[in-house]
PDB file of N, CA and C in Angstrom:
ATOM      1  N   MET A   1    -182.914-134.705 -23.675  1.00  0.00           N
ATOM      2  CA  MET A   1    -183.063-133.644 -22.711  1.00  0.00           C
ATOM      3  C   MET A   1    -183.268-132.331 -23.461  1.00  0.00           C
ATOM      4  N   PRO A   2    -184.521-131.985 -23.783  1.00  0.00           N
ATOM      5  CA  PRO A   2    -184.784-130.747 -24.510  1.00  0.00           C
ATOM      6  C   PRO A   2    -184.512-129.509 -23.662  1.00  0.00           C
ATOM      7  N   TYR A   3    -184.027-128.491 -24.335  1.00  0.00           N
ATOM      8  CA  TYR A   3    -183.808-127.185 -23.726  1.00  0.00           C
ATOM      9  C   TYR A   3    -184.421-126.164 -24.673  1.00  0.00           C
ATOM     10  N   VAL A   4    -185.398-125.414 -24.181  1.00  0.00           N
ATOM     11  CA  VAL A   4    -186.074-124.404 -24.985  1.00  0.00           C
ATOM     12  C   VAL A   4    -185.812-123.048 -24.350  1.00  0.00           C
ATOM     13  N   ASN A   5    -185.361-122.095 -25.158  1.00  0.00           N
ATOM     14  CA  ASN A   5    -185.099-120.750 -24.668  1.00  0.00           C
ATOM     15  C   ASN A   5    -186.059-119.796 -25.368  1.00  0.00           C
ATOM     16  N   ILE A   6    -186.961-119.218 -24.601  1.00  0.00           N
ATOM     17  CA  ILE A   6    -187.932-118.264 -25.118  1.00  0.00           C
ATOM     18  C   ILE A   6    -187.430-116.864 -24.785  1.00  0.00           C
ATOM     19  N   LYS A   7    -187.316-116.029 -25.789  1.00  0.00           N
ATOM     20  CA  LYS A   7    -186.880-114.648 -25.573  1.00  0.00           C
ATOM     21  C   LYS A   7    -188.028-113.721 -25.948  1.00  0.00           C
ATOM     22  N   VAL A   8    -188.369-112.835 -25.008  1.00  0.00           N
ATOM     23  CA  VAL A   8    -189.418-111.844 -25.229  1.00  0.00           C
ATOM     24  C   VAL A   8    -188.927-110.503 -24.716  1.00  0.00           C
ATOM     25  N   THR A   9    -189.527-109.437 -25.213  1.00  0.00           N
ATOM     26  CA  THR A   9    -189.180-108.124 -24.672  1.00  0.00           C
ATOM     27  C   THR A   9    -189.792-107.987 -23.277  1.00  0.00           C
ATOM     28  N   ASP A  10    -189.167-107.176 -22.452  1.00  0.00           N
ATOM     29  CA  ASP A  10    -189.607-107.023 -21.063  1.00  0.00           C
ATOM     30  C   ASP A  10    -190.737-106.005 -20.942  1.00  0.00           C
ATOM     31  N   GLU A  11    -191.843-106.344 -21.551  1.00  0.00           N
ATOM     32  CA  GLU A  11    -192.987-105.435 -21.591  1.00  0.00           C
ATOM     33  C   GLU A  11    -194.177-106.020 -20.849  1.00  0.00           C
ATOM     34  N   GLY A  12    -193.961-106.352 -19.593  1.00  0.00           N
ATOM     35  CA  GLY A  12    -195.078-106.726 -18.732  1.00  0.00           C
ATOM     36  C   GLY A  12    -195.543-108.165 -18.815  1.00  0.00           C
ATOM     37  N   VAL A  13    -194.657-109.097 -19.095  1.00  0.00           N
ATOM     38  CA  VAL A  13    -195.035-110.502 -19.059  1.00  0.00           C
ATOM     39  C   VAL A  13    -195.298-110.860 -17.591  1.00  0.00           C
ATOM     40  N   THR A  14    -196.478-111.375 -17.321  1.00  0.00           N
ATOM     41  CA  THR A  14    -196.843-111.680 -15.939  1.00  0.00           C
ATOM     42  C   THR A  14    -196.323-113.051 -15.525  1.00  0.00           C
ATOM     43  N   ASN A  15    -196.289-113.280 -14.226  1.00  0.00           N
ATOM     44  CA  ASN A  15    -195.869-114.582 -13.725  1.00  0.00           C
ATOM     45  C   ASN A  15    -196.832-115.676 -14.208  1.00  0.00           C
ATOM     46  N   THR A  16    -198.107-115.356 -14.282  1.00  0.00           N
ATOM     47  CA  THR A  16    -199.100-116.308 -14.798  1.00  0.00           C
ATOM     48  C   THR A  16    -198.788-116.675 -16.246  1.00  0.00           C
ATOM     49  N   GLN A  17    -198.415-115.697 -17.057  1.00  0.00           N
ATOM     50  CA  GLN A  17    -198.065-115.964 -18.454  1.00  0.00           C
ATOM     51  C   GLN A  17    -196.789-116.792 -18.546  1.00  0.00           C
ATOM     52  N   ARG A  18    -195.810-116.515 -17.693  1.00  0.00           N
ATOM     53  CA  ARG A  18    -194.576-117.311 -17.685  1.00  0.00           C
ATOM     54  C   ARG A  18    -194.889-118.773 -17.346  1.00  0.00           C
ATOM     55  N   ARG A  19    -195.713-118.972 -16.329  1.00  0.00           N
ATOM     56  CA  ARG A  19    -196.104-120.341 -15.958  1.00  0.00           C
ATOM     57  C   ARG A  19    -196.761-121.062 -17.132  1.00  0.00           C
ATOM     58  N   GLU A  20    -197.652-120.356 -17.828  1.00  0.00           N
ATOM     59  CA  GLU A  20    -198.358-120.953 -18.958  1.00  0.00           C
ATOM     60  C   GLU A  20    -197.399-121.283 -20.099  1.00  0.00           C
ATOM     61  N   LEU A  21    -196.468-120.387 -20.397  1.00  0.00           N
ATOM     62  CA  LEU A  21    -195.467-120.657 -21.430  1.00  0.00           C
ATOM     63  C   LEU A  21    -194.663-121.913 -21.089  1.00  0.00           C
ATOM     64  N   ILE A  22    -194.214-122.007 -19.839  1.00  0.00           N
ATOM     65  CA  ILE A  22    -193.424-123.162 -19.416  1.00  0.00           C
ATOM     66  C   ILE A  22    -194.251-124.445 -19.508  1.00  0.00           C
ATOM     67  N   SER A  23    -195.459-124.408 -18.989  1.00  0.00           N
ATOM     68  CA  SER A  23    -196.321-125.591 -18.989  1.00  0.00           C
ATOM     69  C   SER A  23    -196.667-126.054 -20.404  1.00  0.00           C
ATOM     70  N   LYS A  24    -197.108-125.123 -21.230  1.00  0.00           N
ATOM     71  CA  LYS A  24    -197.556-125.505 -22.577  1.00  0.00           C
ATOM     72  C   LYS A  24    -196.397-125.886 -23.491  1.00  0.00           C
ATOM     73  N   THR A  25    -195.242-125.264 -23.305  1.00  0.00           N
ATOM     74  CA  THR A  25    -194.061-125.653 -24.087  1.00  0.00           C
ATOM     75  C   THR A  25    -193.640-127.069 -23.722  1.00  0.00           C
ATOM     76  N   THR A  26    -193.653-127.372 -22.430  1.00  0.00           N
ATOM     77  CA  THR A  26    -193.314-128.718 -21.968  1.00  0.00           C
ATOM     78  C   THR A  26    -194.289-129.742 -22.527  1.00  0.00           C
ATOM     79  N   THR A  27    -195.582-129.424 -22.484  1.00  0.00           N
ATOM     80  CA  THR A  27    -196.606-130.320 -23.018  1.00  0.00           C
ATOM     81  C   THR A  27    -196.440-130.514 -24.525  1.00  0.00           C
ATOM     82  N   LEU A  28    -196.126-129.454 -25.245  1.00  0.00           N
ATOM     83  CA  LEU A  28    -195.916-129.542 -26.689  1.00  0.00           C
ATOM     84  C   LEU A  28    -194.792-130.522 -27.026  1.00  0.00           C
ATOM     85  N   LEU A  29    -193.675-130.420 -26.310  1.00  0.00           N
ATOM     86  CA  LEU A  29    -192.552-131.320 -26.574  1.00  0.00           C
ATOM     87  C   LEU A  29    -192.903-132.759 -26.220  1.00  0.00           C
ATOM     88  N   LYS A  30    -193.697-132.936 -25.184  1.00  0.00           N
ATOM     89  CA  LYS A  30    -194.147-134.285 -24.816  1.00  0.00           C
ATOM     90  C   LYS A  30    -195.054-134.850 -25.902  1.00  0.00           C
ATOM     91  N   ASP A  31    -196.043-134.054 -26.338  1.00  0.00           N
ATOM     92  CA  ASP A  31    -197.030-134.519 -27.307  1.00  0.00           C
ATOM     93  C   ASP A  31    -196.448-134.732 -28.699  1.00  0.00           C
ATOM     94  N   VAL A  32    -195.578-133.831 -29.150  1.00  0.00           N
ATOM     95  CA  VAL A  32    -195.070-133.889 -30.522  1.00  0.00           C
ATOM     96  C   VAL A  32    -193.849-134.800 -30.645  1.00  0.00           C
ATOM     97  N   LEU A  33    -192.941-134.708 -29.676  1.00  0.00           N
ATOM     98  CA  LEU A  33    -191.681-135.452 -29.778  1.00  0.00           C
ATOM     99  C   LEU A  33    -191.551-136.598 -28.783  1.00  0.00           C
ATOM    100  N   GLY A  34    -192.536-136.737 -27.896  1.00  0.00           N
ATOM    101  CA  GLY A  34    -192.481-137.797 -26.904  1.00  0.00           C
ATOM    102  C   GLY A  34    -191.434-137.570 -25.828  1.00  0.00           C
ATOM    103  N   LYS A  35    -191.080-136.313 -25.585  1.00  0.00           N
ATOM    104  CA  LYS A  35    -190.040-136.000 -24.595  1.00  0.00           C
ATOM    105  C   LYS A  35    -190.596-136.043 -23.177  1.00  0.00           C
ATOM    106  N   ASP A  36    -189.770-136.507 -22.259  1.00  0.00           N
ATOM    107  CA  ASP A  36    -190.142-136.619 -20.859  1.00  0.00           C
ATOM    108  C   ASP A  36    -190.150-135.240 -20.211  1.00  0.00           C
ATOM    109  N   PRO A  37    -191.291-134.809 -19.663  1.00  0.00           N
ATOM    110  CA  PRO A  37    -191.350-133.507 -19.003  1.00  0.00           C
ATOM    111  C   PRO A  37    -190.326-133.357 -17.871  1.00  0.00           C
ATOM    112  N   LYS A  38    -189.955-134.464 -17.242  1.00  0.00           N
ATOM    113  CA  LYS A  38    -188.992-134.390 -16.140  1.00  0.00           C
ATOM    114  C   LYS A  38    -187.606-133.965 -16.597  1.00  0.00           C
ATOM    115  N   THR A  39    -187.333-134.102 -17.887  1.00  0.00           N
ATOM    116  CA  THR A  39    -186.015-133.716 -18.398  1.00  0.00           C
ATOM    117  C   THR A  39    -186.104-132.588 -19.426  1.00  0.00           C
ATOM    118  N   THR A  40    -187.238-131.893 -19.441  1.00  0.00           N
ATOM    119  CA  THR A  40    -187.445-130.777 -20.362  1.00  0.00           C
ATOM    120  C   THR A  40    -187.233-129.465 -19.630  1.00  0.00           C
ATOM    121  N   PHE A  41    -186.321-128.657 -20.164  1.00  0.00           N
ATOM    122  CA  PHE A  41    -185.996-127.371 -19.562  1.00  0.00           C
ATOM    123  C   PHE A  41    -186.544-126.252 -20.437  1.00  0.00           C
ATOM    124  N   VAL A  42    -187.223-125.293 -19.808  1.00  0.00           N
ATOM    125  CA  VAL A  42    -187.733-124.121 -20.508  1.00  0.00           C
ATOM    126  C   VAL A  42    -187.219-122.894 -19.767  1.00  0.00           C
ATOM    127  N   VAL A  43    -186.540-122.015 -20.490  1.00  0.00           N
ATOM    128  CA  VAL A  43    -185.991-120.796 -19.908  1.00  0.00           C
ATOM    129  C   VAL A  43    -186.595-119.610 -20.643  1.00  0.00           C
ATOM    130  N   ILE A  44    -187.065-118.630 -19.879  1.00  0.00           N
ATOM    131  CA  ILE A  44    -187.631-117.415 -20.469  1.00  0.00           C
ATOM    132  C   ILE A  44    -186.702-116.256 -20.150  1.00  0.00           C
ATOM    133  N   ASP A  45    -186.186-115.626 -21.192  1.00  0.00           N
ATOM    134  CA  ASP A  45    -185.347-114.439 -21.043  1.00  0.00           C
ATOM    135  C   ASP A  45    -186.169-113.227 -21.450  1.00  0.00           C
ATOM    136  N   GLU A  46    -186.229-112.256 -20.556  1.00  0.00           N
ATOM    137  CA  GLU A  46    -186.914-111.006 -20.863  1.00  0.00           C
ATOM    138  C   GLU A  46    -185.856-109.947 -21.164  1.00  0.00           C
ATOM    139  N   VAL A  47    -185.876-109.453 -22.388  1.00  0.00           N
ATOM    140  CA  VAL A  47    -184.848-108.550 -22.896  1.00  0.00           C
ATOM    141  C   VAL A  47    -185.377-107.119 -22.930  1.00  0.00           C
ATOM    142  N   PRO A  48    -184.606-106.161 -22.415  1.00  0.00           N
ATOM    143  CA  PRO A  48    -185.041-104.766 -22.518  1.00  0.00           C
ATOM    144  C   PRO A  48    -185.220-104.363 -23.984  1.00  0.00           C
ATOM    145  N   THR A  49    -186.220-103.540 -24.246  1.00  0.00           N
ATOM    146  CA  THR A  49    -186.467-103.141 -25.635  1.00  0.00           C
ATOM    147  C   THR A  49    -185.312-102.337 -26.225  1.00  0.00           C
ATOM    148  N   ASP A  50    -184.470-101.740 -25.387  1.00  0.00           N
ATOM    149  CA  ASP A  50    -183.267-101.061 -25.888  1.00  0.00           C
ATOM    150  C   ASP A  50    -182.257-102.057 -26.450  1.00  0.00           C
ATOM    151  N   SER A  51    -182.364-103.314 -26.030  1.00  0.00           N
ATOM    152  CA  SER A  51    -181.420-104.350 -26.462  1.00  0.00           C
ATOM    153  C   SER A  51    -182.014-105.274 -27.517  1.00  0.00           C
ATOM    154  N   TRP A  52    -183.161-104.932 -28.047  1.00  0.00           N
ATOM    155  CA  TRP A  52    -183.829-105.761 -29.055  1.00  0.00           C
ATOM    156  C   TRP A  52    -184.028-104.896 -30.290  1.00  0.00           C
ATOM    157  N   GLY A  53    -183.524-105.348 -31.417  1.00  0.00           N
ATOM    158  CA  GLY A  53    -183.644-104.580 -32.643  1.00  0.00           C
ATOM    159  C   GLY A  53    -184.420-105.298 -33.714  1.00  0.00           C
ATOM    160  N   VAL A  54    -185.144-104.530 -34.503  1.00  0.00           N
ATOM    161  CA  VAL A  54    -185.896-105.051 -35.647  1.00  0.00           C
ATOM    162  C   VAL A  54    -185.703-104.077 -36.798  1.00  0.00           C
ATOM    163  N   ALA A  55    -185.323-104.585 -37.945  1.00  0.00           N
ATOM    164  CA  ALA A  55    -185.168-103.763 -39.149  1.00  0.00           C
ATOM    165  C   ALA A  55    -184.226-102.584 -38.910  1.00  0.00           C
ATOM    166  N   GLY A  56    -183.191-102.810 -38.110  1.00  0.00           N
ATOM    167  CA  GLY A  56    -182.186-101.785 -37.891  1.00  0.00           C
ATOM    168  C   GLY A  56    -182.532-100.752 -36.831  1.00  0.00           C
ATOM    169  N   GLU A  57    -183.615-100.976 -36.083  1.00  0.00           N
ATOM    170  CA  GLU A  57    -184.029-100.014 -35.060  1.00  0.00           C
ATOM    171  C   GLU A  57    -184.241-100.710 -33.721  1.00  0.00           C
ATOM    172  N   GLN A  58    -184.042 -99.939 -32.647  1.00  0.00           N
ATOM    173  CA  GLN A  58    -184.377-100.456 -31.324  1.00  0.00           C
ATOM    174  C   GLN A  58    -185.899-100.544 -31.197  1.00  0.00           C
ATOM    175  N   VAL A  59    -186.361-101.587 -30.545  1.00  0.00           N
ATOM    176  CA  VAL A  59    -187.793-101.740 -30.328  1.00  0.00           C
ATOM    177  C   VAL A  59    -188.337-100.561 -29.506  1.00  0.00           C
ATOM    178  N   THR A  60    -187.534-100.024 -28.607  1.00  0.00           N
ATOM    179  CA  THR A  60    -187.947 -98.849 -27.825  1.00  0.00           C
ATOM    180  C   THR A  60    -188.377 -97.714 -28.753  1.00  0.00           C
ATOM    181  N   ASP A  61    -187.571 -97.445 -29.794  1.00  0.00           N
ATOM    182  CA  ASP A  61    -187.892 -96.378 -30.740  1.00  0.00           C
ATOM    183  C   ASP A  61    -189.132 -96.710 -31.570  1.00  0.00           C
ATOM    184  N   ILE A  62    -189.252 -97.957 -31.968  1.00  0.00           N
ATOM    185  CA  ILE A  62    -190.416 -98.383 -32.753  1.00  0.00           C
ATOM    186  C   ILE A  62    -191.685 -98.216 -31.929  1.00  0.00           C
ATOM    187  N   ARG A  63    -191.638 -98.663 -30.662  1.00  0.00           N
ATOM    188  CA  ARG A  63    -192.817 -98.541 -29.790  1.00  0.00           C
ATOM    189  C   ARG A  63    -193.182 -97.068 -29.570  1.00  0.00           C
ATOM    190  N   ALA A  64    -192.190 -96.218 -29.371  1.00  0.00           N
ATOM    191  CA  ALA A  64    -192.439 -94.793 -29.153  1.00  0.00           C
ATOM    192  C   ALA A  64    -193.104 -94.170 -30.381  1.00  0.00           C
ATOM    193  N   ARG A  65    -192.624 -94.521 -31.561  1.00  0.00           N
ATOM    194  CA  ARG A  65    -193.171 -93.975 -32.791  1.00  0.00           C
ATOM    195  C   ARG A  65    -194.606 -94.481 -33.005  1.00  0.00           C
ATOM    196  N   ASP A  66    -194.858 -95.749 -32.690  1.00  0.00           N
ATOM    197  CA  ASP A  66    -196.175 -96.331 -32.935  1.00  0.00           C
ATOM    198  C   ASP A  66    -197.248 -95.809 -31.983  1.00  0.00           C
ATOM    199  N   THR A  67    -196.835 -95.227 -30.850  1.00  0.00           N
ATOM    200  CA  THR A  67    -197.839 -94.726 -29.898  1.00  0.00           C
ATOM    201  C   THR A  67    -198.166 -93.245 -30.110  1.00  0.00           C
ATOM    202  N   ARG A  68    -197.525 -92.634 -31.074  1.00  0.00           N
ATOM    203  CA  ARG A  68    -197.802 -91.205 -31.348  1.00  0.00           C
ATOM    204  C   ARG A  68    -199.082 -91.024 -32.097  1.00  0.00           C
TER     205      ARG A  68
END
């Protein structure tokens, strides 16, 4: 019973993209590991950029600096 947790920043992931992530992740586990799609769970967590850090900085600050 595979469980996959995808974490992304909450920067406009569309419902269509979520569907595609779930579908293709399920297919990948079926094709590579032979897992049954009926027992494959895929969860997508969208994290605010204030709660996501890279190299000691909030992603919010990194994004703000990169758009200047």
